[in-house]
Amino acid sequence: MASDNAPALDIVDETFLAVPPSTVAAAFAAPRSWSRYWPDLVLEVYTDRGDAGLRWTVRGALVGTMEVWLEPVLDGTLLHYFLRATPASPARLRPRELRREFDRRARAAKAIALELKQLLEDGREPGVPPRAPAAR
């Protein structure tokens, strides 16, 4: 049975990106990117692990913690995403509404990862070296 202190939303996602962790870390480095990815959340870093990712406290629409862990795997990065939070006003959410919020947040997390995958990989397939810059 869940504890009263357990977060209402416990979302975990993983996506492989065929780029080094430092490339993915750069996408999350600027605080202005956070408001683009999570516009209804106020994030405050409590652990900056450089190329290994970030951990934030979360306020705004949700209250809790969020983490992006960047694990080097083969020739790329496994982007782990964790969100453990409760809606700021959970008393108003019925179980069905909470499930919808879970689904919305999980889909948004995957959309962010897939957007970064498309942008950062620039068509690169796993196992294929990155393209060399065009000669000028």
Protein backbone atom coordinates (compact mmCIF):
# COMPACT_ATOMS: atom_id res chain seq x y z
CA MET A 1 0.00 0.00 0.00
CA ALA A 2 1.31 3.45 -0.94
CA SER A 3 2.36 5.81 1.79
CA ASP A 4 0.61 9.17 2.20
CA ASN A 5 4.03 10.73 1.54
CA ALA A 6 4.52 8.89 -1.77
CA PRO A 7 4.44 11.11 -4.86
CA ALA A 8 1.25 10.92 -6.87
CA LEU A 9 3.28 10.84 -10.11
CA ASP A 10 6.32 8.57 -10.39
CA ILE A 11 7.44 8.68 -14.02
CA VAL A 12 10.50 6.94 -15.42
CA ASP A 13 11.63 7.07 -19.05
CA GLU A 14 14.73 5.96 -20.96
CA THR A 15 15.80 6.87 -24.49
CA PHE A 16 19.06 6.04 -26.29
CA LEU A 17 20.73 8.91 -28.17
CA ALA A 18 23.66 8.19 -30.49
CA VAL A 19 25.68 11.16 -29.19
CA PRO A 20 28.06 11.57 -26.24
CA PRO A 21 26.69 12.52 -22.81
CA SER A 22 28.34 15.95 -23.05
CA THR A 23 26.19 16.75 -26.10
CA VAL A 24 22.99 15.79 -24.29
CA ALA A 25 24.10 17.63 -21.13
CA ALA A 26 24.54 20.81 -23.15
CA ALA A 27 20.87 20.63 -24.18
CA PHE A 28 19.84 20.82 -20.51
CA ALA A 29 22.55 23.20 -19.29
CA ALA A 30 20.78 26.53 -19.87
CA PRO A 31 17.92 27.29 -17.47
CA ARG A 32 15.96 28.84 -20.37
CA SER A 33 15.75 25.36 -21.93
CA TRP A 34 13.99 24.14 -18.78
CA SER A 35 11.12 26.58 -19.20
CA ARG A 36 10.81 25.49 -22.82
CA TYR A 37 10.61 21.80 -21.89
CA TRP A 38 8.58 22.25 -18.69
CA PRO A 39 6.74 25.60 -19.00
CA ASP A 40 4.49 25.09 -15.95
CA LEU A 41 7.30 24.06 -13.61
CA VAL A 42 9.80 26.09 -11.61
CA LEU A 43 13.05 24.15 -11.34
CA GLU A 44 15.93 24.65 -8.95
CA VAL A 45 19.10 22.58 -9.34
CA TYR A 46 20.12 20.72 -6.22
CA THR A 47 22.72 18.49 -7.91
CA ASP A 48 24.64 19.39 -11.05
CA ARG A 49 26.60 16.33 -12.16
CA GLY A 50 27.99 17.89 -15.33
CA ASP A 51 27.95 15.39 -18.19
CA ALA A 52 26.07 12.92 -15.95
CA GLY A 53 22.99 15.16 -15.71
CA LEU A 54 20.98 17.31 -13.32
CA ARG A 55 18.65 16.92 -10.37
CA TRP A 56 16.03 19.56 -9.62
CA THR A 57 13.45 20.40 -7.02
CA VAL A 58 10.13 21.12 -8.69
CA ARG A 59 7.52 23.76 -7.86
CA GLY A 60 4.65 25.26 -9.81
CA ALA A 61 2.03 22.89 -11.19
CA LEU A 62 3.85 20.02 -9.45
CA VAL A 63 5.82 19.74 -6.22
CA GLY A 64 8.63 17.20 -5.94
CA THR A 65 11.86 16.27 -7.69
CA MET A 66 12.99 15.64 -11.23
CA GLU A 67 16.19 14.17 -12.64
CA VAL A 68 17.93 13.74 -15.98
CA TRP A 69 20.68 11.12 -15.67
CA LEU A 70 22.96 10.71 -18.68
CA GLU A 71 24.57 7.28 -18.78
CA PRO A 72 27.33 6.57 -21.31
CA VAL A 73 26.37 3.42 -23.22
CA LEU A 74 28.26 2.03 -26.23
CA ASP A 75 28.66 4.93 -28.69
CA GLY A 76 26.02 7.15 -27.16
CA THR A 77 23.97 8.09 -24.14
CA LEU A 78 21.07 6.51 -22.34
CA LEU A 79 18.92 9.44 -21.24
CA HIS A 80 17.13 8.49 -18.02
CA TYR A 81 14.30 10.76 -16.91
CA PHE A 82 12.69 10.62 -13.47
CA LEU A 83 9.82 12.72 -12.17
CA ARG A 84 8.55 12.15 -8.66
CA ALA A 85 5.99 14.78 -7.81
CA THR A 86 2.49 15.57 -6.70
CA PRO A 87 0.14 18.08 -8.31
CA ALA A 88 0.24 21.35 -6.37
CA SER A 89 -3.44 20.88 -5.53
CA PRO A 90 -3.88 17.07 -5.40
CA ALA A 91 -7.11 17.19 -3.40
CA ARG A 92 -8.94 18.33 -6.53
CA LEU A 93 -7.78 15.42 -8.70
CA ARG A 94 -9.86 12.29 -8.95
CA PRO A 95 -8.05 9.02 -9.78
CA ARG A 96 -9.03 9.31 -13.46
CA GLU A 97 -7.68 12.89 -13.64
CA LEU A 98 -4.47 11.83 -11.92
CA ARG A 99 -4.05 9.03 -14.48
CA ARG A 100 -4.54 11.56 -17.31
CA GLU A 101 -1.90 13.82 -15.73
CA PHE A 102 0.48 10.86 -15.45
CA ASP A 103 -0.06 10.00 -19.13
CA ARG A 104 0.34 13.62 -20.21
CA ARG A 105 3.61 14.02 -18.29
CA ALA A 106 4.98 10.65 -19.49
CA ARG A 107 4.19 11.51 -23.13
CA ALA A 108 5.75 14.96 -22.73
CA ALA A 109 8.94 13.38 -21.33
CA LYS A 110 9.18 11.02 -24.30
CA ALA A 111 8.49 13.88 -26.72
CA ILE A 112 11.39 15.88 -25.24
CA ALA A 113 13.73 12.87 -25.54
CA LEU A 114 12.70 12.14 -29.12
CA GLU A 115 13.03 15.80 -30.11
CA LEU A 116 16.56 15.84 -28.69
CA LYS A 117 17.32 12.53 -30.42
CA GLN A 118 16.29 13.91 -33.80
CA LEU A 119 18.07 17.23 -33.30
CA LEU A 120 21.32 16.00 -31.73
CA GLU A 121 21.83 12.83 -33.76
CA ASP A 122 21.24 14.67 -37.03
CA GLY A 123 20.39 11.39 -38.79
CA ARG A 124 23.27 9.38 -37.28
CA GLU A 125 22.58 5.68 -36.80
CA PRO A 126 23.95 3.83 -33.73
CA GLY A 127 27.34 2.27 -34.54
CA VAL A 128 27.96 4.65 -37.44
CA PRO A 129 30.57 7.34 -36.78
CA PRO A 130 29.33 10.92 -36.80
CA ARG A 131 29.63 12.73 -40.09
CA ALA A 132 32.76 14.83 -40.53
CA PRO A 133 32.09 18.52 -40.99
CA ALA A 134 32.03 19.56 -44.65
CA ALA A 135 35.37 20.86 -45.96
CA ARG A 136 35.42 24.57 -46.76
